[in-house]
């Protein structure tokens, strides 16, 4: 996410919690209200999607059927989470 007051206001108007840390060189550098555990969980999910995009068939969605695409995603997750030597 981007550190912008407009984005934060939009998030708060939708009754959601902002999990975007304030940049260190910002005038309003106050990260006291940031939920760091939620930020770490969001970071893990973003990293998982980034690693899934390394598989070309998943990133470009070659499969036509939903079931075969879901199976390809599951197989890619197995390769990611269970490192085989």
PDB file of N, CA and C in Angstrom:
ATOM      1  N   UNK A   1       0.800  -1.177   0.000  1.00  0.00           N
ATOM      2  CA  UNK A   1       0.000   0.000   0.000  1.00  0.00           C
ATOM      3  C   UNK A   1       0.849   1.249   0.000  1.00  0.00           C
ATOM      4  N   UNK A   2       0.275   2.317  -0.411  1.00  0.00           N
ATOM      5  CA  UNK A   2       0.961   3.597  -0.477  1.00  0.00           C
ATOM      6  C   UNK A   2       0.572   4.453   0.721  1.00  0.00           C
ATOM      7  N   UNK A   3       1.536   5.179   1.225  1.00  0.00           N
ATOM      8  CA  UNK A   3       1.332   6.034   2.381  1.00  0.00           C
ATOM      9  C   UNK A   3       0.798   7.378   1.907  1.00  0.00           C
ATOM     10  N   UNK A   4      -0.510   7.519   1.900  1.00  0.00           N
ATOM     11  CA  UNK A   4      -1.141   8.757   1.467  1.00  0.00           C
ATOM     12  C   UNK A   4      -2.334   9.030   2.380  1.00  0.00           C
ATOM     13  N   UNK A   5      -2.534  10.292   2.719  1.00  0.00           N
ATOM     14  CA  UNK A   5      -3.662  10.626   3.593  1.00  0.00           C
ATOM     15  C   UNK A   5      -4.987  10.405   2.876  1.00  0.00           C
ATOM     16  N   UNK A   6      -5.026  10.596   1.551  1.00  0.00           N
ATOM     17  CA  UNK A   6      -6.266  10.359   0.799  1.00  0.00           C
ATOM     18  C   UNK A   6      -6.649   8.884   0.822  1.00  0.00           C
ATOM     19  N   UNK A   7      -5.661   8.025   0.673  1.00  0.00           N
ATOM     20  CA  UNK A   7      -5.935   6.587   0.703  1.00  0.00           C
ATOM     21  C   UNK A   7      -6.393   6.171   2.097  1.00  0.00           C
ATOM     22  N   UNK A   8      -5.754   6.717   3.127  1.00  0.00           N
ATOM     23  CA  UNK A   8      -6.162   6.385   4.501  1.00  0.00           C
ATOM     24  C   UNK A   8      -7.585   6.849   4.783  1.00  0.00           C
ATOM     25  N   UNK A   9      -7.953   8.038   4.323  1.00  0.00           N
ATOM     26  CA  UNK A   9      -9.317   8.540   4.527  1.00  0.00           C
ATOM     27  C   UNK A   9     -10.330   7.660   3.803  1.00  0.00           C
ATOM     28  N   UNK A  10      -9.996   7.217   2.599  1.00  0.00           N
ATOM     29  CA  UNK A  10     -10.892   6.338   1.846  1.00  0.00           C
ATOM     30  C   UNK A  10     -11.076   5.013   2.583  1.00  0.00           C
ATOM     31  N   UNK A  11     -10.013   4.493   3.165  1.00  0.00           N
ATOM     32  CA  UNK A  11     -10.097   3.239   3.916  1.00  0.00           C
ATOM     33  C   UNK A  11     -10.983   3.415   5.148  1.00  0.00           C
ATOM     34  N   UNK A  12     -10.811   4.517   5.864  1.00  0.00           N
ATOM     35  CA  UNK A  12     -11.593   4.752   7.077  1.00  0.00           C
ATOM     36  C   UNK A  12     -13.064   5.025   6.776  1.00  0.00           C
ATOM     37  N   UNK A  13     -13.376   5.633   5.622  1.00  0.00           N
ATOM     38  CA  UNK A  13     -14.781   5.869   5.274  1.00  0.00           C
ATOM     39  C   UNK A  13     -15.511   4.569   4.968  1.00  0.00           C
ATOM     40  N   UNK A  14     -14.774   3.528   4.584  1.00  0.00           N
ATOM     41  CA  UNK A  14     -15.381   2.223   4.324  1.00  0.00           C
ATOM     42  C   UNK A  14     -15.346   1.332   5.562  1.00  0.00           C
ATOM     43  N   UNK A  15     -15.112   1.916   6.714  1.00  0.00           N
ATOM     44  CA  UNK A  15     -15.093   1.215   8.005  1.00  0.00           C
ATOM     45  C   UNK A  15     -14.095   0.058   8.011  1.00  0.00           C
ATOM     46  N   UNK A  16     -12.928   0.308   7.459  1.00  0.00           N
ATOM     47  CA  UNK A  16     -11.867  -0.695   7.452  1.00  0.00           C
ATOM     48  C   UNK A  16     -10.664  -0.151   8.203  1.00  0.00           C
ATOM     49  N   UNK A  17      -9.739  -1.041   8.507  1.00  0.00           N
ATOM     50  CA  UNK A  17      -8.548  -0.648   9.241  1.00  0.00           C
ATOM     51  C   UNK A  17      -7.374  -0.538   8.275  1.00  0.00           C
ATOM     52  N   UNK A  18      -6.640   0.529   8.372  1.00  0.00           N
ATOM     53  CA  UNK A  18      -5.472   0.739   7.532  1.00  0.00           C
ATOM     54  C   UNK A  18      -4.289  -0.037   8.087  1.00  0.00           C
ATOM     55  N   UNK A  19      -3.652  -0.821   7.231  1.00  0.00           N
ATOM     56  CA  UNK A  19      -2.483  -1.600   7.640  1.00  0.00           C
ATOM     57  C   UNK A  19      -1.298  -1.160   6.782  1.00  0.00           C
ATOM     58  N   UNK A  20      -1.178   0.129   6.599  1.00  0.00           N
ATOM     59  CA  UNK A  20      -0.098   0.709   5.816  1.00  0.00           C
ATOM     60  C   UNK A  20       0.774   1.513   6.767  1.00  0.00           C
ATOM     61  N   UNK A  21       2.050   1.137   6.925  1.00  0.00           N
ATOM     62  CA  UNK A  21       2.912   1.908   7.820  1.00  0.00           C
ATOM     63  C   UNK A  21       3.241   3.276   7.227  1.00  0.00           C
ATOM     64  N   UNK A  22       3.410   4.249   8.107  1.00  0.00           N
ATOM     65  CA  UNK A  22       3.757   5.599   7.684  1.00  0.00           C
ATOM     66  C   UNK A  22       5.241   5.616   7.333  1.00  0.00           C
ATOM     67  N   UNK A  23       5.586   6.275   6.237  1.00  0.00           N
ATOM     68  CA  UNK A  23       6.985   6.350   5.827  1.00  0.00           C
ATOM     69  C   UNK A  23       7.808   7.100   6.874  1.00  0.00           C
ATOM     70  N   UNK A  24       9.070   6.748   6.965  1.00  0.00           N
ATOM     71  CA  UNK A  24       9.914   7.329   8.008  1.00  0.00           C
ATOM     72  C   UNK A  24      10.209   8.801   7.757  1.00  0.00           C
ATOM     73  N   UNK A  25      10.186   9.255   6.501  1.00  0.00           N
ATOM     74  CA  UNK A  25      10.479  10.657   6.217  1.00  0.00           C
ATOM     75  C   UNK A  25       9.224  11.513   6.132  1.00  0.00           C
ATOM     76  N   UNK A  26       8.091  10.975   6.547  1.00  0.00           N
ATOM     77  CA  UNK A  26       6.829  11.709   6.508  1.00  0.00           C
ATOM     78  C   UNK A  26       6.762  12.712   7.659  1.00  0.00           C
ATOM     79  N   UNK A  27       6.009  13.778   7.454  1.00  0.00           N
ATOM     80  CA  UNK A  27       5.836  14.776   8.515  1.00  0.00           C
ATOM     81  C   UNK A  27       5.056  14.194   9.687  1.00  0.00           C
ATOM     82  N   UNK A  28       4.120  13.305   9.378  1.00  0.00           N
ATOM     83  CA  UNK A  28       3.284  12.693  10.410  1.00  0.00           C
ATOM     84  C   UNK A  28       3.720  11.240  10.579  1.00  0.00           C
ATOM     85  N   UNK A  29       4.904  11.012  11.122  1.00  0.00           N
ATOM     86  CA  UNK A  29       5.442   9.649  11.259  1.00  0.00           C
ATOM     87  C   UNK A  29       5.001   9.028  12.576  1.00  0.00           C
ATOM     88  N   UNK A  30       3.737   8.647  12.646  1.00  0.00           N
ATOM     89  CA  UNK A  30       3.175   8.065  13.855  1.00  0.00           C
ATOM     90  C   UNK A  30       2.608   6.691  13.510  1.00  0.00           C
ATOM     91  N   UNK A  31       3.331   5.636  13.890  1.00  0.00           N
ATOM     92  CA  UNK A  31       2.882   4.276  13.646  1.00  0.00           C
ATOM     93  C   UNK A  31       2.331   3.619  14.911  1.00  0.00           C
ATOM     94  N   UNK A  32       1.882   4.433  15.857  1.00  0.00           N
ATOM     95  CA  UNK A  32       1.382   3.882  17.120  1.00  0.00           C
ATOM     96  C   UNK A  32       0.072   3.115  16.927  1.00  0.00           C
ATOM     97  N   UNK A  33      -0.761   3.521  15.985  1.00  0.00           N
ATOM     98  CA  UNK A  33      -2.060   2.883  15.789  1.00  0.00           C
ATOM     99  C   UNK A  33      -1.990   1.697  14.833  1.00  0.00           C
ATOM    100  N   UNK A  34      -0.828   1.423  14.288  1.00  0.00           N
ATOM    101  CA  UNK A  34      -0.683   0.340  13.321  1.00  0.00           C
ATOM    102  C   UNK A  34      -0.681  -1.007  14.031  1.00  0.00           C
ATOM    103  N   UNK A  35      -1.478  -1.932  13.539  1.00  0.00           N
ATOM    104  CA  UNK A  35      -1.512  -3.294  14.074  1.00  0.00           C
ATOM    105  C   UNK A  35      -0.426  -4.102  13.356  1.00  0.00           C
ATOM    106  N   UNK A  36       0.709  -4.275  14.017  1.00  0.00           N
ATOM    107  CA  UNK A  36       1.863  -4.916  13.382  1.00  0.00           C
ATOM    108  C   UNK A  36       1.613  -6.380  13.083  1.00  0.00           C
ATOM    109  N   UNK A  37       0.823  -7.066  13.896  1.00  0.00           N
ATOM    110  CA  UNK A  37       0.518  -8.471  13.621  1.00  0.00           C
ATOM    111  C   UNK A  37      -0.284  -8.598  12.331  1.00  0.00           C
ATOM    112  N   UNK A  38      -1.265  -7.736  12.154  1.00  0.00           N
ATOM    113  CA  UNK A  38      -2.069  -7.740  10.931  1.00  0.00           C
ATOM    114  C   UNK A  38      -1.219  -7.366   9.723  1.00  0.00           C
ATOM    115  N   UNK A  39      -0.276  -6.456   9.915  1.00  0.00           N
ATOM    116  CA  UNK A  39       0.636  -6.075   8.838  1.00  0.00           C
ATOM    117  C   UNK A  39       1.516  -7.256   8.431  1.00  0.00           C
ATOM    118  N   UNK A  40       2.004  -8.028   9.400  1.00  0.00           N
ATOM    119  CA  UNK A  40       2.828  -9.201   9.091  1.00  0.00           C
ATOM    120  C   UNK A  40       2.021 -10.259   8.345  1.00  0.00           C
ATOM    121  N   UNK A  41       0.781 -10.455   8.740  1.00  0.00           N
ATOM    122  CA  UNK A  41      -0.082 -11.421   8.045  1.00  0.00           C
ATOM    123  C   UNK A  41      -0.344 -10.974   6.608  1.00  0.00           C
ATOM    124  N   UNK A  42      -0.601  -9.690   6.407  1.00  0.00           N
ATOM    125  CA  UNK A  42      -0.821  -9.165   5.057  1.00  0.00           C
ATOM    126  C   UNK A  42       0.428  -9.348   4.208  1.00  0.00           C
ATOM    127  N   UNK A  43       1.598  -9.126   4.812  1.00  0.00           N
ATOM    128  CA  UNK A  43       2.859  -9.279   4.108  1.00  0.00           C
ATOM    129  C   UNK A  43       3.077 -10.731   3.674  1.00  0.00           C
ATOM    130  N   UNK A  44       2.724 -11.688   4.518  1.00  0.00           N
ATOM    131  CA  UNK A  44       2.848 -13.095   4.175  1.00  0.00           C
ATOM    132  C   UNK A  44       1.945 -13.471   3.002  1.00  0.00           C
ATOM    133  N   UNK A  45       0.725 -12.948   3.000  1.00  0.00           N
ATOM    134  CA  UNK A  45      -0.205 -13.230   1.905  1.00  0.00           C
ATOM    135  C   UNK A  45       0.312 -12.629   0.604  1.00  0.00           C
ATOM    136  N   UNK A  46       0.817 -11.395   0.654  1.00  0.00           N
ATOM    137  CA  UNK A  46       1.364 -10.768  -0.552  1.00  0.00           C
ATOM    138  C   UNK A  46       2.556 -11.545  -1.085  1.00  0.00           C
ATOM    139  N   UNK A  47       3.413 -12.048  -0.188  1.00  0.00           N
ATOM    140  CA  UNK A  47       4.562 -12.842  -0.626  1.00  0.00           C
ATOM    141  C   UNK A  47       4.124 -14.164  -1.251  1.00  0.00           C
ATOM    142  N   UNK A  48       3.068 -14.763  -0.724  1.00  0.00           N
ATOM    143  CA  UNK A  48       2.569 -16.017  -1.292  1.00  0.00           C
ATOM    144  C   UNK A  48       2.068 -15.792  -2.719  1.00  0.00           C
ATOM    145  N   UNK A  49       1.331 -14.704  -2.946  1.00  0.00           N
ATOM    146  CA  UNK A  49       0.862 -14.407  -4.301  1.00  0.00           C
ATOM    147  C   UNK A  49       2.024 -14.083  -5.234  1.00  0.00           C
ATOM    148  N   UNK A  50       3.035 -13.413  -4.723  1.00  0.00           N
ATOM    149  CA  UNK A  50       4.204 -13.095  -5.549  1.00  0.00           C
ATOM    150  C   UNK A  50       4.933 -14.372  -5.965  1.00  0.00           C
ATOM    151  N   UNK A  51       5.042 -15.333  -5.059  1.00  0.00           N
ATOM    152  CA  UNK A  51       5.707 -16.589  -5.413  1.00  0.00           C
ATOM    153  C   UNK A  51       4.863 -17.430  -6.353  1.00  0.00           C
ATOM    154  N   UNK A  52       3.533 -17.346  -6.230  1.00  0.00           N
ATOM    155  CA  UNK A  52       2.671 -18.068  -7.157  1.00  0.00           C
ATOM    156  C   UNK A  52       2.783 -17.516  -8.573  1.00  0.00           C
ATOM    157  N   UNK A  53       3.057 -16.229  -8.691  1.00  0.00           N
ATOM    158  CA  UNK A  53       3.170 -15.620 -10.015  1.00  0.00           C
ATOM    159  C   UNK A  53       4.414 -16.074 -10.762  1.00  0.00           C
ATOM    160  N   UNK A  54       5.342 -16.730 -10.078  1.00  0.00           N
ATOM    161  CA  UNK A  54       6.527 -17.260 -10.747  1.00  0.00           C
ATOM    162  C   UNK A  54       6.172 -18.446 -11.635  1.00  0.00           C
ATOM    163  N   UNK A  55       5.043 -19.077 -11.367  1.00  0.00           N
ATOM    164  CA  UNK A  55       4.584 -20.179 -12.207  1.00  0.00           C
ATOM    165  C   UNK A  55       3.818 -19.589 -13.383  1.00  0.00           C
ATOM    166  N   UNK A  56       4.353 -19.778 -14.560  1.00  0.00           N
ATOM    167  CA  UNK A  56       3.833 -19.108 -15.751  1.00  0.00           C
ATOM    168  C   UNK A  56       2.382 -19.488 -16.064  1.00  0.00           C
ATOM    169  N   UNK A  57       2.049 -20.746 -15.910  1.00  0.00           N
ATOM    170  CA  UNK A  57       0.691 -21.186 -16.208  1.00  0.00           C
ATOM    171  C   UNK A  57      -0.345 -20.584 -15.288  1.00  0.00           C
ATOM    172  N   UNK A  58       0.049 -20.286 -14.064  1.00  0.00           N
ATOM    173  CA  UNK A  58      -0.878 -19.679 -13.113  1.00  0.00           C
ATOM    174  C   UNK A  58      -0.986 -18.180 -13.361  1.00  0.00           C
ATOM    175  N   UNK A  59       0.149 -17.538 -13.635  1.00  0.00           N
ATOM    176  CA  UNK A  59       0.151 -16.091 -13.841  1.00  0.00           C
ATOM    177  C   UNK A  59      -0.644 -15.700 -15.085  1.00  0.00           C
ATOM    178  N   UNK A  60      -0.585 -16.518 -16.141  1.00  0.00           N
ATOM    179  CA  UNK A  60      -1.282 -16.176 -17.380  1.00  0.00           C
ATOM    180  C   UNK A  60      -2.603 -16.911 -17.523  1.00  0.00           C
ATOM    181  N   UNK A  61      -2.906 -17.792 -16.611  1.00  0.00           N
ATOM    182  CA  UNK A  61      -4.156 -18.559 -16.583  1.00  0.00           C
ATOM    183  C   UNK A  61      -4.393 -19.297 -17.892  1.00  0.00           C
ATOM    184  N   UNK A  62      -3.533 -20.284 -18.153  1.00  0.00           N
ATOM    185  CA  UNK A  62      -3.665 -21.091 -19.358  1.00  0.00           C
ATOM    186  C   UNK A  62      -4.863 -22.028 -19.302  1.00  0.00           C
ATOM    187  N   UNK A  63      -5.199 -22.505 -18.126  1.00  0.00           N
ATOM    188  CA  UNK A  63      -6.286 -23.475 -18.005  1.00  0.00           C
ATOM    189  C   UNK A  63      -7.629 -22.812 -18.256  1.00  0.00           C
ATOM    190  N   UNK A  64      -8.482 -23.518 -18.989  1.00  0.00           N
ATOM    191  CA  UNK A  64      -9.802 -22.972 -19.295  1.00  0.00           C
ATOM    192  C   UNK A  64     -10.811 -23.272 -18.191  1.00  0.00           C
ATOM    193  N   UNK A  65     -10.679 -24.429 -17.579  1.00  0.00           N
ATOM    194  CA  UNK A  65     -11.647 -24.835 -16.569  1.00  0.00           C
ATOM    195  C   UNK A  65     -11.207 -24.405 -15.173  1.00  0.00           C
ATOM    196  N   UNK A  66     -12.187 -24.075 -14.355  1.00  0.00           N
ATOM    197  CA  UNK A  66     -11.909 -23.625 -12.995  1.00  0.00           C
ATOM    198  C   UNK A  66     -11.245 -24.719 -12.170  1.00  0.00           C
ATOM    199  N   UNK A  67     -11.692 -25.963 -12.345  1.00  0.00           N
ATOM    200  CA  UNK A  67     -11.135 -27.066 -11.560  1.00  0.00           C
ATOM    201  C   UNK A  67      -9.670 -27.328 -11.893  1.00  0.00           C
ATOM    202  N   UNK A  68      -9.330 -27.269 -13.175  1.00  0.00           N
ATOM    203  CA  UNK A  68      -7.934 -27.522 -13.545  1.00  0.00           C
ATOM    204  C   UNK A  68      -7.038 -26.361 -13.106  1.00  0.00           C
ATOM    205  N   UNK A  69      -7.557 -25.126 -13.129  1.00  0.00           N
ATOM    206  CA  UNK A  69      -6.786 -23.984 -12.628  1.00  0.00           C
ATOM    207  C   UNK A  69      -6.567 -24.103 -11.122  1.00  0.00           C
ATOM    208  N   UNK A  70      -7.605 -24.504 -10.396  1.00  0.00           N
ATOM    209  CA  UNK A  70      -7.479 -24.680  -8.941  1.00  0.00           C
ATOM    210  C   UNK A  70      -6.479 -25.792  -8.618  1.00  0.00           C
ATOM    211  N   UNK A  71      -6.481 -26.847  -9.426  1.00  0.00           N
ATOM    212  CA  UNK A  71      -5.523 -27.933  -9.209  1.00  0.00           C
ATOM    213  C   UNK A  71      -4.097 -27.447  -9.473  1.00  0.00           C
ATOM    214  N   UNK A  72      -3.907 -26.610 -10.480  1.00  0.00           N
ATOM    215  CA  UNK A  72      -2.573 -26.067 -10.766  1.00  0.00           C
ATOM    216  C   UNK A  72      -2.095 -25.173  -9.630  1.00  0.00           C
ATOM    217  N   UNK A  73      -3.001 -24.385  -9.063  1.00  0.00           N
ATOM    218  CA  UNK A  73      -2.639 -23.531  -7.927  1.00  0.00           C
ATOM    219  C   UNK A  73      -2.265 -24.384  -6.724  1.00  0.00           C
ATOM    220  N   UNK A  74      -3.025 -25.440  -6.478  1.00  0.00           N
ATOM    221  CA  UNK A  74      -2.697 -26.321  -5.351  1.00  0.00           C
ATOM    222  C   UNK A  74      -1.349 -26.999  -5.556  1.00  0.00           C
ATOM    223  N   UNK A  75      -1.072 -27.438  -6.765  1.00  0.00           N
ATOM    224  CA  UNK A  75       0.204 -28.079  -7.049  1.00  0.00           C
ATOM    225  C   UNK A  75       1.363 -27.094  -6.882  1.00  0.00           C
ATOM    226  N   UNK A  76       1.168 -25.864  -7.312  1.00  0.00           N
ATOM    227  CA  UNK A  76       2.205 -24.844  -7.130  1.00  0.00           C
ATOM    228  C   UNK A  76       2.422 -24.558  -5.650  1.00  0.00           C
ATOM    229  N   UNK A  77       1.356 -24.534  -4.869  1.00  0.00           N
ATOM    230  CA  UNK A  77       1.491 -24.319  -3.424  1.00  0.00           C
ATOM    231  C   UNK A  77       2.263 -25.458  -2.772  1.00  0.00           C
ATOM    232  N   UNK A  78       2.045 -26.674  -3.247  1.00  0.00           N
ATOM    233  CA  UNK A  78       2.808 -27.805  -2.717  1.00  0.00           C
ATOM    234  C   UNK A  78       4.287 -27.629  -3.017  1.00  0.00           C
ATOM    235  N   UNK A  79       4.622 -27.191  -4.230  1.00  0.00           N
ATOM    236  CA  UNK A  79       6.023 -26.971  -4.574  1.00  0.00           C
ATOM    237  C   UNK A  79       6.640 -25.838  -3.754  1.00  0.00           C
ATOM    238  N   UNK A  80       5.842 -24.838  -3.424  1.00  0.00           N
ATOM    239  CA  UNK A  80       6.364 -23.714  -2.643  1.00  0.00           C
ATOM    240  C   UNK A  80       6.539 -24.092  -1.180  1.00  0.00           C
ATOM    241  N   UNK A  81       5.516 -24.698  -0.582  1.00  0.00           N
ATOM    242  CA  UNK A  81       5.515 -24.939   0.853  1.00  0.00           C
ATOM    243  C   UNK A  81       6.289 -26.183   1.271  1.00  0.00           C
ATOM    244  N   UNK A  82       6.465 -27.128   0.369  1.00  0.00           N
ATOM    245  CA  UNK A  82       7.241 -28.319   0.678  1.00  0.00           C
ATOM    246  C   UNK A  82       8.457 -28.352  -0.240  1.00  0.00           C
ATOM    247  N   UNK A  83       9.515 -27.688   0.153  1.00  0.00           N
ATOM    248  CA  UNK A  83      10.677 -27.645  -0.733  1.00  0.00           C
ATOM    249  C   UNK A  83      11.276 -29.038  -0.914  1.00  0.00           C
ATOM    250  N   UNK A  84      11.275 -29.455  -2.168  1.00  0.00           N
ATOM    251  CA  UNK A  84      11.802 -30.772  -2.496  1.00  0.00           C
ATOM    252  C   UNK A  84      13.242 -30.624  -2.962  1.00  0.00           C
ATOM    253  N   UNK A  85      14.090 -31.505  -2.474  1.00  0.00           N
ATOM    254  CA  UNK A  85      15.504 -31.426  -2.845  1.00  0.00           C
ATOM    255  C   UNK A  85      15.799 -32.388  -3.976  1.00  0.00           C
TER     256      UNK A  85
END
